Protein backbone atom coordinates (compact mmCIF):
# COMPACT_ATOMS: atom_id res chain seq x y z
CA MET A 1 -194.21 -52.96 41.76
CA THR A 2 -196.00 -51.93 38.46
CA LEU A 3 -196.50 -48.51 36.80
CA TYR A 4 -199.94 -47.73 35.23
CA LYS A 5 -200.97 -44.79 33.04
CA PRO A 6 -203.84 -42.74 34.50
CA ARG A 7 -207.08 -43.59 32.66
CA PHE A 8 -209.66 -42.04 34.98
CA ARG A 9 -210.78 -38.94 36.79
CA ARG A 10 -210.15 -38.03 40.36
CA ASN A 11 -213.63 -38.60 41.96
CA GLN A 12 -215.04 -39.78 45.13
CA PRO A 13 -214.50 -43.20 46.44
CA ASP A 14 -218.07 -44.21 46.35
CA SER A 15 -219.04 -42.12 43.26
CA PRO A 16 -221.05 -44.19 40.62
CA GLU A 17 -218.74 -42.63 38.20
CA ALA A 18 -215.73 -44.48 39.66
CA PRO A 19 -214.15 -46.49 36.84
CA ILE A 20 -214.07 -50.29 36.67
CA TRP A 21 -210.56 -51.85 36.63
CA ASP A 22 -209.55 -55.58 36.12
CA PHE A 23 -206.91 -55.75 38.67
CA VAL A 24 -206.66 -55.43 42.49
CA GLY A 25 -203.83 -53.32 43.83
CA VAL A 26 -202.88 -50.32 45.78
CA LEU A 27 -201.90 -47.19 43.95
CA GLN A 28 -199.52 -44.96 45.76
CA ASN A 29 -197.84 -41.40 45.60
CA GLU A 30 -196.85 -38.53 47.88
CA ASN A 31 -199.63 -36.30 46.25
CA VAL A 32 -203.42 -36.99 46.03
CA SER A 33 -205.10 -40.23 47.25
CA HIS A 34 -208.38 -41.66 46.48
CA HIS A 35 -210.26 -44.93 45.96
CA VAL A 36 -211.57 -46.59 42.82
CA ARG A 37 -213.92 -49.41 42.42
CA THR A 38 -212.54 -52.68 40.64
CA SER A 39 -214.58 -55.20 38.63
CA SER A 40 -214.52 -57.56 41.50
CA ASN A 41 -215.64 -54.96 43.84
CA ALA A 42 -212.39 -54.86 45.67
CA CYS A 43 -210.80 -51.64 46.35
CA VAL A 44 -207.49 -49.85 45.59
CA GLU A 45 -206.02 -46.60 46.99
CA SER A 46 -204.50 -44.53 44.29
CA VAL A 47 -202.37 -41.41 44.23
CA PHE A 48 -201.78 -39.22 41.10
CA THR A 49 -198.07 -38.84 40.52
CA GLY A 50 -196.29 -35.70 38.98
CA SER A 51 -195.16 -37.86 35.90
CA GLY A 52 -198.52 -38.89 35.12
CA MET A 53 -198.03 -42.47 36.23
CA PHE A 54 -199.43 -44.65 39.10
CA VAL A 55 -197.46 -46.99 41.23
CA CYS A 56 -199.36 -50.34 41.92
CA GLU A 57 -198.67 -52.95 44.64
CA ASP A 58 -200.90 -55.96 45.41
CA LYS A 59 -203.65 -55.44 48.11
CA TRP A 60 -206.15 -58.00 49.29
CA GLN A 61 -208.49 -55.74 51.56
CA ARG A 62 -210.04 -52.25 51.39
CA PRO A 63 -208.23 -49.89 53.90
CA THR A 64 -210.28 -48.17 56.64
CA SER A 65 -208.65 -44.87 55.57
CA LYS A 66 -206.24 -43.58 53.02
CA ASN A 67 -203.46 -43.80 55.23
CA ALA A 68 -204.21 -47.58 56.38
CA PRO A 69 -201.20 -49.83 56.19
CA VAL A 70 -200.66 -51.91 53.11
CA THR A 71 -200.00 -55.57 53.67
CA ALA A 72 -197.94 -57.36 51.07
CA PRO A 73 -199.64 -60.33 49.58
CA THR A 74 -198.71 -63.74 50.74
CA THR A 75 -197.81 -66.63 48.23
CA ASP A 76 -201.00 -68.39 49.40
CA ALA A 77 -202.89 -65.31 48.15
CA ILE A 78 -201.12 -65.27 44.94
CA SER A 79 -201.84 -68.89 44.57
CA ALA A 80 -205.61 -68.58 45.18
CA ARG A 81 -205.76 -66.04 42.33
CA GLN A 82 -204.18 -68.41 39.85
CA PRO A 83 -206.11 -71.08 37.88
CA PRO A 84 -206.45 -74.27 39.63
CA GLU A 85 -204.12 -76.15 37.51
CA GLU A 86 -201.25 -73.96 38.22
CA ARG A 87 -201.74 -73.47 41.97
CA SER A 88 -199.74 -76.70 43.05
CA THR A 89 -196.88 -75.49 41.14
CA VAL A 90 -196.42 -72.29 43.58
CA ALA A 91 -196.73 -74.62 46.56
CA ASP A 92 -194.25 -77.04 45.31
CA PHE A 93 -191.86 -74.17 44.77
CA ASN A 94 -192.44 -73.06 48.45
CA SER A 95 -191.54 -76.41 49.70
CA MET A 96 -188.79 -77.17 47.34
CA PRO A 97 -185.08 -77.13 48.80
CA THR A 98 -183.00 -74.51 47.37
CA PRO A 99 -180.49 -76.90 45.65
CA ASP A 100 -183.37 -78.63 43.97
CA LEU A 101 -184.86 -75.36 42.90
CA TYR A 102 -181.67 -74.38 41.32
CA LYS A 103 -181.60 -77.72 39.41
CA ALA A 104 -185.07 -77.22 38.14
CA ILE A 105 -183.98 -73.74 36.79
CA LEU A 106 -180.96 -75.39 35.13
CA ASP A 107 -182.88 -78.10 33.63
CA ARG A 108 -185.06 -75.63 31.79
CA ILE A 109 -182.06 -73.56 30.34
CA THR A 110 -181.11 -74.17 26.71
CA ASP A 111 -179.07 -71.05 26.20
CA PRO A 112 -175.35 -71.88 27.06
CA LEU A 113 -174.69 -68.07 27.54
CA VAL A 114 -177.56 -68.04 30.21
CA ASP A 115 -176.32 -71.48 31.74
CA GLN A 116 -172.89 -69.85 32.08
CA MET A 117 -174.16 -66.55 33.68
CA LEU A 118 -176.35 -68.42 36.27
CA ARG A 119 -173.40 -70.52 37.05
CA GLU A 120 -171.37 -67.57 37.83
CA LEU A 121 -174.13 -66.17 39.95
CA PHE A 122 -174.51 -69.27 41.70
CA GLY A 123 -170.79 -69.51 42.43
CA ARG A 124 -171.01 -66.36 44.48
CA PHE A 125 -173.35 -68.13 46.87
CA PRO A 126 -172.15 -70.22 49.76
CA GLY A 127 -169.87 -73.14 49.16
CA GLU A 128 -172.49 -76.00 49.82
CA THR A 129 -174.79 -74.38 46.98
CA VAL A 130 -171.83 -74.25 44.67
CA GLU A 131 -171.16 -78.04 45.39
CA LYS A 132 -174.73 -78.81 44.55
CA ILE A 133 -174.64 -76.97 41.29
CA GLU A 134 -171.39 -78.66 40.32
CA GLU A 135 -172.87 -81.99 41.37
CA GLU A 136 -175.83 -81.42 38.92
CA LYS A 137 -173.55 -80.52 36.13
CA ARG A 138 -171.45 -83.75 36.58
CA GLY A 139 -174.58 -85.63 36.41
CA ARG A 140 -175.04 -84.66 32.75
CA SER A 141 -171.37 -84.70 31.81
CA ILE A 142 -169.20 -87.41 30.21
CA VAL A 143 -165.35 -87.68 29.77
CA LEU A 144 -163.98 -89.02 26.35
CA SER A 145 -160.42 -90.63 26.24
CA GLY A 146 -158.60 -91.36 23.19
CA VAL A 147 -159.83 -88.55 20.96
CA LYS A 148 -156.99 -87.75 18.67
CA GLU A 149 -155.45 -84.22 19.08
CA SER A 150 -155.35 -82.00 16.23
CA SER A 151 -152.27 -80.48 14.64
CA PRO A 152 -150.21 -78.16 16.97
CA THR A 153 -149.81 -75.81 14.22
CA LEU A 154 -153.47 -74.88 13.88
CA ARG A 155 -154.65 -71.77 15.63
CA PRO A 156 -156.56 -72.33 19.06
CA SER A 157 -160.00 -71.61 17.51
CA GLN A 158 -159.07 -74.21 14.57
CA ARG A 159 -158.19 -76.77 17.18
CA GLN A 160 -161.57 -76.15 19.14
CA LYS A 161 -163.35 -76.41 15.81
CA ASP A 162 -161.76 -79.65 14.98
CA LEU A 163 -162.61 -81.14 18.50
CA GLU A 164 -166.28 -80.24 18.33
CA ASP A 165 -166.38 -81.79 14.61
CA LYS A 166 -164.81 -84.99 16.07
CA VAL A 167 -167.35 -85.03 19.20
CA ASP A 168 -170.15 -84.58 16.50
CA ALA A 169 -168.97 -87.68 14.54
CA ILE A 170 -168.88 -89.61 17.74
CA LEU A 171 -172.49 -88.52 18.69
CA ASP A 172 -173.33 -89.57 15.14
CA VAL A 173 -172.11 -93.24 15.84
CA LEU A 174 -173.99 -93.00 19.05
CA ASP A 175 -177.17 -92.09 17.19
CA MET A 176 -177.74 -89.06 19.19
CA GLU A 177 -179.48 -85.98 17.80
CA CYS A 178 -178.37 -83.24 20.15
CA ARG A 179 -176.14 -80.14 20.70
CA PRO A 180 -173.90 -80.45 23.77
CA VAL A 181 -173.77 -77.19 25.77
CA GLU A 182 -169.95 -77.53 26.52
CA ILE A 183 -167.03 -79.44 24.81
CA ARG A 184 -163.44 -78.87 25.93
CA ARG A 185 -160.16 -80.26 26.38
CA MET A 186 -158.83 -80.95 29.86
CA GLY A 187 -155.32 -80.15 31.00
CA ARG A 188 -152.26 -79.09 29.15
CA PHE A 189 -151.38 -80.00 25.56
CA ASP A 190 -149.04 -83.12 25.46
CA LEU A 191 -147.84 -84.57 22.21
CA SER A 192 -147.24 -87.89 23.86
CA ARG A 193 -150.96 -88.63 24.62
CA PRO A 194 -154.42 -86.96 23.73
CA ARG A 195 -156.08 -84.94 26.54
CA LEU A 196 -159.23 -85.95 27.95
CA VAL A 197 -162.39 -84.29 26.53
CA LYS A 198 -165.29 -83.19 28.84
CA VAL A 199 -168.83 -82.93 27.02
CA VAL A 200 -171.62 -81.50 28.87
CA PHE A 201 -175.12 -82.22 27.72
CA SER A 202 -178.17 -80.16 28.42
CA ASN A 203 -180.13 -82.93 30.30
CA LYS A 204 -179.78 -86.26 32.06
CA GLN A 205 -181.42 -88.23 29.37
CA GLU A 206 -178.81 -87.40 26.58
CA TRP A 207 -176.10 -88.14 29.36
CA SER A 208 -177.84 -91.63 29.86
CA GLN A 209 -178.14 -92.31 26.13
CA ALA A 210 -174.38 -91.61 25.67
CA LEU A 211 -173.29 -93.93 28.26
CA ALA A 212 -175.77 -96.82 27.15
CA GLN A 213 -174.57 -96.51 23.51
CA ALA A 214 -170.92 -96.25 24.04
CA ARG A 215 -170.52 -99.89 22.98
CA LEU A 216 -171.34 -98.81 19.43
CA LEU A 217 -167.87 -97.24 19.10
CA ARG A 218 -166.04 -100.50 19.12
CA SER A 219 -166.75 -101.37 15.72
CA THR A 220 -166.05 -98.05 14.11
CA SER A 221 -163.05 -95.81 13.49
CA PHE A 222 -163.59 -94.59 17.22
CA SER A 223 -162.69 -97.96 18.43
CA ASP A 224 -159.80 -96.37 20.72
CA VAL A 225 -162.31 -93.83 22.24
CA TYR A 226 -163.70 -94.68 25.64
CA ILE A 227 -166.63 -92.91 27.26
CA ARG A 228 -167.02 -92.55 31.16
CA ARG A 229 -169.09 -90.45 33.46
CA SER A 230 -167.60 -87.26 34.92
CA MET A 231 -166.47 -88.00 38.48
CA THR A 232 -164.95 -86.16 41.57
CA GLU A 233 -161.58 -86.94 42.70
CA ASN A 234 -162.50 -89.28 45.16
CA GLU A 235 -164.65 -91.14 42.76
CA ARG A 236 -161.85 -91.40 40.21
CA ARG A 237 -159.53 -92.66 43.04
CA ARG A 238 -162.11 -95.30 44.02
CA GLU A 239 -162.53 -96.28 40.30
CA TYR A 240 -158.88 -96.64 39.98
CA GLU A 241 -158.71 -99.07 42.83
CA LEU A 242 -161.37 -101.08 41.38
CA ARG A 243 -159.40 -101.27 38.09
CA GLN A 244 -156.42 -102.52 39.89
CA VAL A 245 -158.62 -105.12 41.78
CA ALA A 246 -160.07 -106.04 38.16
CA ARG A 247 -156.37 -106.47 36.87
CA GLU A 248 -155.52 -108.79 39.62
CA ARG A 249 -158.51 -110.96 39.25
CA ASN A 250 -157.82 -111.25 35.58
CA ALA A 251 -154.20 -112.00 35.76
CA GLY A 252 -153.56 -115.61 34.72
CA LEU A 253 -157.03 -116.11 33.05
CA ASP A 254 -157.46 -117.00 29.33
CA LYS A 255 -159.74 -113.88 28.91
CA ARG A 256 -160.73 -111.08 30.83
CA GLU A 257 -163.53 -111.87 33.15
CA TRP A 258 -163.74 -108.83 35.41
CA VAL A 259 -164.26 -105.25 34.67
CA VAL A 260 -165.47 -101.94 36.26
CA HIS A 261 -168.76 -100.90 35.29
CA ARG A 262 -170.62 -97.82 36.52
CA GLY A 263 -168.54 -97.59 39.59
CA GLU A 264 -168.68 -101.22 40.53
CA LEU A 265 -166.71 -104.36 39.86
CA LYS A 266 -168.66 -106.77 37.53
CA ARG A 267 -168.42 -109.86 35.69
CA ILE A 268 -168.38 -109.45 31.89
CA ALA A 269 -171.00 -112.52 31.76
CA ASP A 270 -173.36 -110.99 34.16
CA LEU A 271 -173.37 -107.70 32.04
CA ASN A 272 -173.94 -109.59 28.80
CA THR A 273 -176.72 -111.66 30.45
CA ARG A 274 -178.30 -108.37 31.43
CA LEU A 275 -177.95 -106.75 28.17
CA ASP A 276 -179.38 -109.77 26.37
CA SER A 277 -182.47 -109.60 28.64
CA GLU A 278 -182.99 -106.05 28.06
CA ASN A 279 -182.70 -106.42 24.16
CA SER A 280 -185.22 -109.20 24.23
CA GLN A 281 -188.00 -107.24 25.91
């Protein structure tokens, strides 16, 4: 509903002095009612308000009387009024499943605060929707292991700053020019081993690049840092079982032959062959 300042005199509906407007709408109030003609010869029912404002709602056909019921415009009507290149977008939104629509919204968000606010809002929706949102977030998140902890004598804000600096240095090695929307340690501080680090990117492309370039860490000062995708508890359990199988198959071999790659058990030779093929293209 839109408010408009009055810019015309109260005159008869069919008067030649009726002003020309560039919108189609219904102007309503409890006081006086009359019609004005628009530039498209459509009609609006208008009512002067005590505050000197008009309330406007979309309307698509002229009422037979000032008390005629007003029908809200359909999405098809709105689409018909749009430029041809924009009409398909409205139709796509109409048919898009709710989880996919949420994902489309999140994909366009670059402000971390807005992202957090929307996730809080979606978190109040039914469980199925929340699961879809979390699944989307995992789809652009990685987990780093082996990132050294900062000194326990530092303040929490200083430890967080130290972590962000280390992640920035890792992204430099990966040749990634981006700013993650979230960087944080997971779990409680433990002097015996560094905690895992979760990094959330703003889009799927950055996530894919981080995983694809992970091998670049092996020849740097971050050779002890490993990158994997973020997983659910069931996925982590499955990957642990696959690693156990890989260890069993590698037992007694002169060199490691089996590894777990992207949730599957693979031969290192097969992976190297595929990488050589991709690099030669």
